[in-house]
Structures are given as C-alpha cells and as structure tokens.
C-alpha cells in the first residue's frame, strides 16, 4: 500500500482548538514513549488543559509538536503569590527532531507569557539539557528516601500524642485536605496555589499506576477540633523467608504544625506488615531527617525538580522580598529574551524591593539562568560563583546578594504538572 508523505514543512505554532485535543495529546503521549494513559488520567488532563494557552505545530494536518502553559500562582520568598506560566505537555514527534519545532514553540510561548504580564515561567524537565538554552534553571530539589522502618526509630515532638488519626476515603475528605494544603501555600517558596480542578490530581488512582500496591489510602489528623493534616499512601505487601517485608509508598503528606506532622510520620513508620517507607519529591528540609535514629539507613537522595525562567526580570525581582538588605547592580545576559539583557539595579530587604534599569557600574555579572536558579532561595549565588557561573565585579557584592537571596525555608514543588 502506498504512503502519501507530507508535501511541505511544518507550520508555525498555533493555538490549540478543542477539537484537535485528541490528536495533539496523542502526539505528546507518543513523544514520551507511547504508553497509553488510563481513561481517568486522560480525562483529567483534558479538563485541565487551557486551550488558549496551548500550542501545536502541524504539518499537512498532522500534529508534530505540542506545548502548553497553565496559569499558576507561585509562592516566592516573602509569601507573595506571583502569576506564573506552568510550562507543560512539551513534546516533538521523533520524525521532526532537530528541525526547529521546539525552538519555535519556546519562542512563541515566552513571547505570549510576556504579553500576558506573567513575570515567571516554570517547568519540570524530562531532559534538563534541553531547557538551559531557553533560560531555565533548576531552582528547587526534591528529597527521596527508602527508610528502613524495621531498624530506624523516630523521635517526634511531645505534642504528637495529642493528635488523633482516622482513616478516611481520599475522595470523601478531599475538601478538608485541600484546605490544609491551601493554608500552607504562602509559607513555602515554590508552592502552587491550586485552581479548581487541580485537587483531583492528588486522588487520581488508576490501577495501572499502583505497581502492585493497594488502592490509595488516606489518614486525616485532628488537633484542637479541626483537621490539621493528612497523609495519602499505598501499601505494597511482600513476604520473604524471614516474614513480612512490605512497603509503605507515600504519595502526599501535609500538616499545619510540627506535632501533627510528627504524628503522621510516626503512623507511617509503624504500619503493620511493612519494613520500608518509600517517599519521593519531598521538601529538602523535611523534618523527619532530624528525628530519625539513623539517617544512613534512610537512603536519602536529592533530585532537581522545578525549573524557573525569569520572563520579566524587573517585575520578578520586585515580586519577592530579601532576607537581608541588598543593593546591587547586575549585568545580565539573556540571548533568548533580549528584553532582559543589560544592567539592572536591585534594592530590597524583608519589606519589599525595587528593580530598574541603570547605567551604573555592574557589581555582579551573570546570565538569566543564574537568576532563575537563585530566585526561590534554594540555590546559593556563592555556589554558582564557585562554579564560574557568576562573576563578582565589586568586592563584597557577592556575599551581600547571596545572603539577601537566601530563604530560611527550602523551596519546594509540591506536585508535577
């Protein structure tokens, strides 16, 4: 049977139409290996897709490239929620690699984000090497661990004994759990204020994603007459010659105070017939690390998580606060978004900041990637300088800026998108 090959090159990116979503999403799935998602997952992502913020590249009626941008609000140091484009669903057909399809979508997307008045763009990178050339840099890191709960003991705050724990259906307590999450959002940089519909992501439970573990379970924690925390998890039973060796797989845990958090961790450590607690993507400063009897038997490790791109440099640096006074002039390189390039004077402290163009002599020279890496306070300017990524042009400027950009709370991306 003859095959009719497309006659011409792919067109430039255009906004996604609702009736094109299935073919657009099929292109994305194929770009990530072609393994079909469950109907529940597919329906949810269809419902969450913002069509007017999604792009496709087409060649003679065939979709060959996909990209989207959710409209998020991201917590930054100081607690402000900043309008942010959550870059997502980026894929290029393997038949059209190295033909400029991705670059054309990134170009159109960042131009759009700027026109929407959103100073930041963020993403999670399937291949980190791809996005550096578009100005993105890793700004948060997730903690994973495989804790040997058969040998590791946990010491929690004394008030944990006052916390009451109850099993509940994840769907039945979704609203109260979402309220706990919403109350935590302003307290940690990197957290996302969830729009209606996004709460469903936390209880999505297709059997294909369980890897032999139980359906999703949930425990809610009560303290002082209100729900103060929750944990969502699965249990994967196992048996060996010596007896049980099951695993608790933690999906999500949130608490409003240290006592409630301690009670939830203690519960997870002690679930019957299990000897391992598996967790991933947790905050790098999770408290349990300082409560365990043997950190080596926890096999803790870190991985890059949220990548940040400053789209409007001045507005982005003004949106956050600084934990110590800073008054510094940056010489910024930004080849992909040249409107950010040049000298900027940042003056700020814990109360607020201003950032404007200047002709004054530069104190520090760096690219927009370094500013993205340090923006949420989880990466040190000093470390980047030691790596040769930041140049100090005025003595003392590096220390001043590094201290100011820091954060007493480690930034954290709570979930993917």
Protein backbone atom coordinates (compact mmCIF):
# COMPACT_ATOMS: atom_id res chain seq x y z
CA UNK A 1 0.00 0.00 0.00
CA UNK A 2 1.42 3.39 -0.95
CA UNK A 3 2.04 6.01 1.70
CA UNK A 4 1.47 9.70 0.99
CA UNK A 5 4.20 11.70 2.67
CA UNK A 6 3.52 15.32 3.69
CA UNK A 7 4.48 17.68 0.92
CA UNK A 8 5.64 20.68 2.89
CA UNK A 9 7.34 21.75 6.12
CA UNK A 10 5.55 22.14 9.42
CA UNK A 11 3.70 25.39 10.01
CA UNK A 12 4.49 27.73 12.88
CA UNK A 13 2.89 27.16 16.29
CA UNK A 14 -0.81 27.93 16.54
CA UNK A 15 -3.23 27.98 19.46
CA UNK A 16 -4.86 24.62 20.18
CA UNK A 17 -8.50 24.14 19.24
CA UNK A 18 -10.67 21.88 21.44
CA UNK A 19 -11.49 19.54 18.56
CA UNK A 20 -7.77 18.98 17.94
CA UNK A 21 -7.01 17.95 21.52
CA UNK A 22 -7.07 14.16 21.00
CA UNK A 23 -4.57 14.16 18.14
CA UNK A 24 -2.46 16.80 19.95
CA UNK A 25 -2.39 14.72 23.14
CA UNK A 26 -1.67 11.51 21.22
CA UNK A 27 1.40 13.24 19.78
CA UNK A 28 2.51 14.11 23.29
CA UNK A 29 1.98 10.55 24.58
CA UNK A 30 3.97 9.13 21.66
CA UNK A 31 6.81 11.56 22.34
CA UNK A 32 7.02 10.12 25.87
CA UNK A 33 7.19 6.51 24.74
CA UNK A 34 3.67 5.82 23.55
CA UNK A 35 2.36 4.05 26.65
CA UNK A 36 -1.37 4.85 26.88
CA UNK A 37 -2.71 6.56 29.97
CA UNK A 38 -5.76 5.36 31.84
CA UNK A 39 -9.10 6.91 30.85
CA UNK A 40 -9.17 8.70 34.23
CA UNK A 41 -5.82 10.37 33.62
CA UNK A 42 -6.65 11.35 30.08
CA UNK A 43 -9.99 12.84 31.12
CA UNK A 44 -8.36 14.86 33.90
CA UNK A 45 -5.65 16.35 31.67
CA UNK A 46 -8.25 17.20 29.07
CA UNK A 47 -10.25 19.03 31.73
CA UNK A 48 -7.18 20.90 32.98
CA UNK A 49 -5.86 21.91 29.54
CA UNK A 50 -6.09 25.66 28.96
CA UNK A 51 -6.68 25.72 25.24
CA UNK A 52 -5.95 29.40 24.68
CA UNK A 53 -2.54 28.89 26.35
CA UNK A 54 -1.65 25.69 24.45
CA UNK A 55 0.24 25.47 21.18
CA UNK A 56 0.60 22.89 18.44
CA UNK A 57 2.77 22.61 15.36
CA UNK A 58 1.10 20.89 12.39
CA UNK A 59 2.29 19.50 9.09
CA UNK A 60 -0.38 18.82 6.48
CA UNK A 61 -2.96 18.10 9.16
CA UNK A 62 -0.67 16.02 11.38
CA UNK A 63 0.37 17.33 14.79
CA UNK A 64 4.18 17.15 15.21
CA UNK A 65 4.73 19.39 18.25
CA UNK A 66 2.91 20.24 21.48
CA UNK A 67 3.33 22.73 24.31
CA UNK A 68 1.10 24.24 26.97
CA UNK A 69 1.21 26.78 29.79
CA UNK A 70 -1.01 26.51 32.85
CA UNK A 71 -1.96 29.76 34.60
CA UNK A 72 -0.49 29.30 38.05
CA UNK A 73 0.29 31.49 41.03
CA UNK A 74 3.63 30.61 42.61
CA UNK A 75 4.74 31.43 46.15
CA UNK A 76 8.01 33.39 46.26
CA UNK A 77 10.18 34.40 49.23
CA UNK A 78 8.13 36.78 51.35
CA UNK A 79 4.89 34.89 50.74
CA UNK A 80 3.57 36.70 47.67
CA UNK A 81 1.72 34.66 45.03
CA UNK A 82 3.12 35.62 41.64
CA UNK A 83 1.32 34.94 38.32
CA UNK A 84 3.36 32.21 36.64
CA UNK A 85 3.19 30.20 33.42
CA UNK A 86 3.46 26.50 34.20
CA UNK A 87 5.04 25.16 31.03
CA UNK A 88 3.76 21.67 30.34
CA UNK A 89 2.97 18.97 27.77
CA UNK A 90 6.03 19.76 25.64
CA UNK A 91 6.76 17.16 23.01
CA UNK A 92 8.07 16.84 19.45
CA UNK A 93 7.44 13.89 17.14
CA UNK A 94 10.59 11.80 16.71
CA UNK A 95 10.20 12.22 12.95
CA UNK A 96 10.62 16.00 13.33
CA UNK A 97 13.53 16.37 15.73
CA UNK A 98 16.23 18.96 15.06
CA UNK A 99 14.05 20.89 12.66
CA UNK A 100 13.39 23.88 14.91
CA UNK A 101 9.95 22.73 16.11
CA UNK A 102 10.78 23.01 19.83
CA UNK A 103 12.58 26.33 19.42
CA UNK A 104 9.62 27.79 17.55
CA UNK A 105 7.24 26.74 20.34
CA UNK A 106 9.52 28.08 23.09
CA UNK A 107 9.90 31.37 21.20
CA UNK A 108 6.14 31.81 20.74
CA UNK A 109 5.40 30.67 24.29
CA UNK A 110 7.76 33.09 26.06
CA UNK A 111 6.53 35.94 23.89
CA UNK A 112 2.98 35.01 24.91
CA UNK A 113 3.87 34.79 28.60
CA UNK A 114 5.37 38.26 28.45
CA UNK A 115 2.24 39.62 26.73
CA UNK A 116 0.10 38.04 29.49
CA UNK A 117 2.00 40.04 32.11
CA UNK A 118 3.35 36.95 33.90
CA UNK A 119 6.91 37.57 35.12
CA UNK A 120 7.82 33.90 35.60
CA UNK A 121 7.71 30.64 33.68
CA UNK A 122 8.37 27.30 35.37
CA UNK A 123 8.57 23.68 34.25
CA UNK A 124 9.66 20.19 35.19
CA UNK A 125 12.26 18.86 32.79
CA UNK A 126 12.19 15.34 31.37
CA UNK A 127 15.62 16.13 29.91
CA UNK A 128 17.34 19.00 31.76
CA UNK A 129 19.88 19.59 28.99
CA UNK A 130 17.11 20.79 26.69
CA UNK A 131 15.85 23.81 28.59
CA UNK A 132 19.01 25.64 29.60
CA UNK A 133 19.31 27.19 26.19
CA UNK A 134 15.89 28.77 26.69
CA UNK A 135 16.90 30.34 30.02
CA UNK A 136 15.50 27.82 32.52
CA UNK A 137 17.48 26.64 35.55
CA UNK A 138 16.85 24.18 38.38
CA UNK A 139 15.61 26.17 41.39
CA UNK A 140 14.14 23.51 43.68
CA UNK A 141 15.13 19.97 44.55
CA UNK A 142 13.06 17.05 45.79
CA UNK A 143 14.05 14.64 48.53
CA UNK A 144 13.50 10.91 48.05
CA UNK A 145 14.22 8.11 50.52
CA UNK A 146 13.79 4.42 51.23
CA UNK A 147 13.60 4.30 55.03
CA UNK A 148 14.30 1.03 56.82
CA UNK A 149 11.48 1.34 59.34
CA UNK A 150 12.37 -2.03 60.83
CA UNK A 151 15.59 -0.54 62.21
CA UNK A 152 15.16 3.25 62.16
CA UNK A 153 13.38 4.86 65.09
CA UNK A 154 11.62 8.21 65.02
CA UNK A 155 11.60 10.84 67.78
CA UNK A 156 8.71 13.29 67.35
CA UNK A 157 7.53 16.38 69.28
CA UNK A 158 5.81 15.61 72.58
CA UNK A 159 2.53 17.14 71.41
CA UNK A 160 2.20 14.44 68.75
CA UNK A 161 0.44 12.28 71.35
CA UNK A 162 -2.47 14.73 71.33
CA UNK A 163 -3.12 14.25 67.62
CA UNK A 164 -5.97 11.94 66.61
CA UNK A 165 -5.65 9.96 63.39
CA UNK A 166 -8.53 8.48 61.40
CA UNK A 167 -8.73 6.53 58.16
CA UNK A 168 -10.95 8.13 55.53
CA UNK A 169 -11.76 7.68 51.87
CA UNK A 170 -9.44 10.01 49.91
CA UNK A 171 -12.38 11.33 47.89
CA UNK A 172 -14.58 11.89 50.93
CA UNK A 173 -12.05 14.15 52.69
CA UNK A 174 -10.72 15.86 49.59
CA UNK A 175 -12.13 19.26 50.56
CA UNK A 176 -10.65 19.35 54.07
CA UNK A 177 -7.28 18.10 52.80
CA UNK A 178 -7.29 20.77 50.13
CA UNK A 179 -7.97 23.38 52.82
CA UNK A 180 -4.87 22.23 54.71
CA UNK A 181 -2.81 22.49 51.54
CA UNK A 182 -4.14 25.98 50.74
CA UNK A 183 -3.20 27.22 54.21
CA UNK A 184 0.36 26.01 53.68
CA UNK A 185 0.88 27.58 50.25
CA UNK A 186 2.06 31.05 51.44
CA UNK A 187 4.56 29.53 53.87
CA UNK A 188 6.99 27.95 51.43
CA UNK A 189 8.50 29.31 48.17
CA UNK A 190 7.82 27.14 45.15
CA UNK A 191 4.34 26.03 46.19
CA UNK A 192 1.47 26.39 43.73
CA UNK A 193 -1.93 27.85 44.56
CA UNK A 194 -4.24 25.28 43.02
CA UNK A 195 -7.14 26.38 40.85
CA UNK A 196 -10.43 24.43 40.95
CA UNK A 197 -9.99 21.02 39.43
CA UNK A 198 -6.34 20.58 40.38
CA UNK A 199 -7.27 18.95 43.69
CA UNK A 200 -8.31 15.90 41.67
CA UNK A 201 -4.68 15.24 40.79
CA UNK A 202 -3.95 14.19 44.37
CA UNK A 203 -6.57 11.43 44.40
CA UNK A 204 -6.14 10.15 40.86
CA UNK A 205 -5.83 6.42 41.41
CA UNK A 206 -5.68 4.34 38.22
CA UNK A 207 -4.80 0.71 38.84
CA UNK A 208 -2.10 0.90 36.16
CA UNK A 209 -0.11 3.30 38.37
CA UNK A 210 -0.15 1.22 41.57
CA UNK A 211 2.68 -1.19 40.69
CA UNK A 212 1.09 -3.93 42.74
CA UNK A 213 0.31 -1.73 45.73
CA UNK A 214 -3.06 -1.11 47.32
CA UNK A 215 -5.56 1.50 46.16
CA UNK A 216 -4.84 4.95 47.54
CA UNK A 217 -5.41 5.22 51.30
CA UNK A 218 -5.76 8.34 53.43
CA UNK A 219 -5.38 9.22 57.09
CA UNK A 220 -6.51 12.61 58.40
CA UNK A 221 -5.10 14.16 61.56
CA UNK A 222 -7.26 16.08 64.01
CA UNK A 223 -5.90 18.56 66.57
CA UNK A 224 -7.74 21.22 68.52
CA UNK A 225 -11.07 20.27 66.98
CA UNK A 226 -10.01 20.69 63.34
CA UNK A 227 -8.28 18.77 60.57
CA UNK A 228 -4.63 19.77 60.85
CA UNK A 229 -3.02 17.38 58.41
CA UNK A 230 -3.29 14.32 56.23
CA UNK A 231 -1.26 11.59 54.57
CA UNK A 232 -2.08 9.75 51.34
CA UNK A 233 -0.27 6.49 50.73
CA UNK A 234 -0.38 2.96 49.37
CA UNK A 235 0.76 -0.32 50.93
CA UNK A 236 2.62 -2.93 48.91
CA UNK A 237 2.80 -6.18 50.83
CA UNK A 238 5.74 -8.54 50.49
CA UNK A 239 6.92 -11.74 52.11
CA UNK A 240 10.32 -13.33 52.41
CA UNK A 241 11.85 -16.26 54.23
CA UNK A 242 12.09 -14.13 57.37
CA UNK A 243 8.48 -12.96 57.17
CA UNK A 244 6.81 -9.77 56.01
CA UNK A 245 8.75 -7.05 54.20
CA UNK A 246 6.05 -4.75 52.85
CA UNK A 247 6.49 -1.15 51.73
CA UNK A 248 4.50 1.97 52.50
CA UNK A 249 4.54 4.22 49.43
CA UNK A 250 3.90 7.81 50.46
CA UNK A 251 2.08 9.93 47.90
CA UNK A 252 1.43 13.13 49.88
CA UNK A 253 1.73 14.45 53.42
CA UNK A 254 0.83 17.89 54.73
CA UNK A 255 0.45 19.30 58.25
CA UNK A 256 -0.20 22.69 59.82
CA UNK A 257 2.16 22.23 62.79
CA UNK A 258 5.17 20.12 63.84
CA UNK A 259 3.17 17.99 66.26
CA UNK A 260 0.67 16.92 63.63
CA UNK A 261 3.42 16.28 61.11
CA UNK A 262 5.29 14.17 63.63
CA UNK A 263 2.19 12.11 64.39
CA UNK A 264 1.66 11.39 60.71
CA UNK A 265 5.26 10.31 60.14
CA UNK A 266 5.14 8.09 63.23
CA UNK A 267 1.99 6.43 61.90
CA UNK A 268 3.63 5.74 58.53
CA UNK A 269 6.71 4.28 60.23
CA UNK A 270 4.55 1.84 62.20
CA UNK A 271 2.08 0.36 59.69
CA UNK A 272 1.78 -3.38 60.24
CA UNK A 273 3.49 -5.88 57.92
CA UNK A 274 5.84 -3.23 56.45
CA UNK A 275 9.56 -2.62 56.87
CA UNK A 276 10.16 0.18 54.37
CA UNK A 277 8.75 3.65 53.89
CA UNK A 278 9.28 4.92 50.34
CA UNK A 279 8.92 8.61 49.58
CA UNK A 280 9.85 10.89 46.72
CA UNK A 281 9.74 14.56 45.84
CA UNK A 282 9.57 15.78 49.43
CA UNK A 283 10.95 19.14 50.68
CA UNK A 284 14.74 19.03 51.03
CA UNK A 285 14.41 20.21 54.64
CA UNK A 286 11.73 17.66 55.68
CA UNK A 287 11.77 17.45 59.47
CA UNK A 288 11.86 13.64 59.70
CA UNK A 289 15.53 13.73 58.66
CA UNK A 290 16.37 15.28 62.03
CA UNK A 291 14.13 12.92 64.00
CA UNK A 292 15.43 9.55 62.79
CA UNK A 293 17.88 7.44 64.74
CA UNK A 294 20.00 6.52 61.69
CA UNK A 295 19.94 8.72 58.59
CA UNK A 296 22.19 6.29 56.69
CA UNK A 297 19.50 3.63 56.74
CA UNK A 298 17.11 6.10 55.10
CA UNK A 299 18.99 6.15 51.79
CA UNK A 300 18.12 9.80 51.22
CA UNK A 301 18.88 11.36 47.86
CA UNK A 302 18.13 14.59 46.02
CA UNK A 303 16.92 15.34 42.50
CA UNK A 304 16.22 18.50 40.52
CA UNK A 305 12.55 19.45 40.48
CA UNK A 306 11.21 22.87 39.47
CA UNK A 307 12.97 24.89 36.75
CA UNK A 308 12.49 28.67 36.82
CA UNK A 309 12.75 31.20 33.99
CA UNK A 310 12.53 34.97 34.61
CA UNK A 311 10.38 36.34 31.77
CA UNK A 312 10.13 39.91 33.06
CA UNK A 313 13.30 40.28 35.10
CA UNK A 314 12.45 43.55 36.81
CA UNK A 315 8.93 42.53 37.81
CA UNK A 316 10.11 39.12 39.02
CA UNK A 317 12.85 40.50 41.28
CA UNK A 318 10.46 43.11 42.67
CA UNK A 319 7.82 40.48 43.47
CA UNK A 320 9.85 38.75 46.19
CA UNK A 321 11.48 40.02 49.37
CA UNK A 322 15.06 39.58 50.58
CA UNK A 323 16.06 38.20 53.96
CA UNK A 324 18.84 40.80 54.32
CA UNK A 325 19.25 44.25 52.73
CA UNK A 326 20.65 44.11 49.22
CA UNK A 327 21.62 46.92 46.85
CA UNK A 328 23.39 45.52 43.81
CA UNK A 329 23.73 46.14 40.08
CA UNK A 330 23.53 43.05 37.85
CA UNK A 331 24.95 42.79 34.33
CA UNK A 332 22.59 40.21 32.82
CA UNK A 333 22.94 38.10 29.69
CA UNK A 334 19.75 36.79 28.08
CA UNK A 335 20.06 35.80 24.43
CA UNK A 336 16.63 34.19 24.11
CA UNK A 337 14.67 37.03 25.77
CA UNK A 338 16.86 40.05 24.98
CA UNK A 339 14.48 42.47 26.70
CA UNK A 340 16.02 41.24 29.98
CA UNK A 341 19.63 41.81 28.93
CA UNK A 342 21.66 44.69 30.35
CA UNK A 343 22.19 46.33 33.73
CA UNK A 344 19.61 46.23 36.49
CA UNK A 345 19.81 47.75 39.96
CA UNK A 346 18.08 45.72 42.66
CA UNK A 347 17.40 47.33 46.04
CA UNK A 348 15.45 45.35 48.58
CA UNK A 349 15.00 43.94 52.06
CA UNK A 350 12.44 41.96 54.04
CA UNK A 351 9.74 44.58 53.39
CA UNK A 352 9.98 44.85 49.61
CA UNK A 353 12.15 45.61 46.62
CA UNK A 354 12.62 47.72 43.52
CA UNK A 355 14.42 46.70 40.35
CA UNK A 356 15.03 49.01 37.41
CA UNK A 357 17.41 49.51 34.54
CA UNK A 358 20.52 51.54 35.27
CA UNK A 359 23.70 52.84 33.69
CA UNK A 360 25.68 52.43 36.92
CA UNK A 361 28.71 50.17 37.04
CA UNK A 362 27.86 46.49 37.46
CA UNK A 363 28.59 44.67 40.74
CA UNK A 364 27.85 41.11 39.55
CA UNK A 365 27.79 39.60 36.05
CA UNK A 366 25.65 36.54 35.30
CA UNK A 367 23.02 35.18 32.95
CA UNK A 368 19.29 34.97 33.42
CA UNK A 369 19.73 31.26 34.19
CA UNK A 370 21.64 32.02 37.38
CA UNK A 371 18.95 34.46 38.49
CA UNK A 372 16.35 31.76 37.85
CA UNK A 373 18.32 29.23 39.89
CA UNK A 374 18.60 31.51 42.95
CA UNK A 375 15.19 33.15 42.62
CA UNK A 376 13.33 30.98 45.14
CA UNK A 377 16.17 30.89 47.65
CA UNK A 378 17.18 27.24 47.26
CA UNK A 379 20.43 27.75 45.33
CA UNK A 380 23.27 29.97 46.53
CA UNK A 381 24.80 32.71 44.41
CA UNK A 382 28.04 31.85 46.18
CA UNK A 383 27.90 28.27 44.92
CA UNK A 384 27.25 29.47 41.38
CA UNK A 385 30.18 31.86 41.65
CA UNK A 386 32.42 29.00 42.78
CA UNK A 387 31.27 27.12 39.67
CA UNK A 388 32.27 30.06 37.48
CA UNK A 389 28.70 30.99 36.66
CA UNK A 390 28.71 34.38 38.47
CA UNK A 391 31.48 36.99 38.36
CA UNK A 392 31.98 39.45 41.21
CA UNK A 393 32.91 42.90 39.88
CA UNK A 394 32.70 44.79 43.20
CA UNK A 395 34.29 43.34 46.31
CA UNK A 396 31.63 42.29 48.82
CA UNK A 397 28.75 42.32 46.35
CA UNK A 398 28.59 38.53 46.11
CA UNK A 399 28.19 38.00 49.84
CA UNK A 400 25.60 40.75 50.12
CA UNK A 401 23.49 39.38 47.29
CA UNK A 402 23.91 35.73 48.31
CA UNK A 403 22.65 36.40 51.83
CA UNK A 404 19.77 38.53 50.58
CA UNK A 405 18.56 35.93 48.06
CA UNK A 406 18.56 33.14 50.65
CA UNK A 407 15.48 31.65 52.30
CA UNK A 408 15.02 30.23 55.78
CA UNK A 409 12.55 27.72 54.30
CA UNK A 410 13.74 25.50 51.47
CA UNK A 411 11.66 25.99 48.32
CA UNK A 412 9.61 23.02 47.21
CA UNK A 413 7.50 21.97 44.25
CA UNK A 414 4.54 20.05 45.76
CA UNK A 415 3.47 18.18 42.62
CA UNK A 416 4.14 17.92 38.95
CA UNK A 417 2.15 19.40 36.11
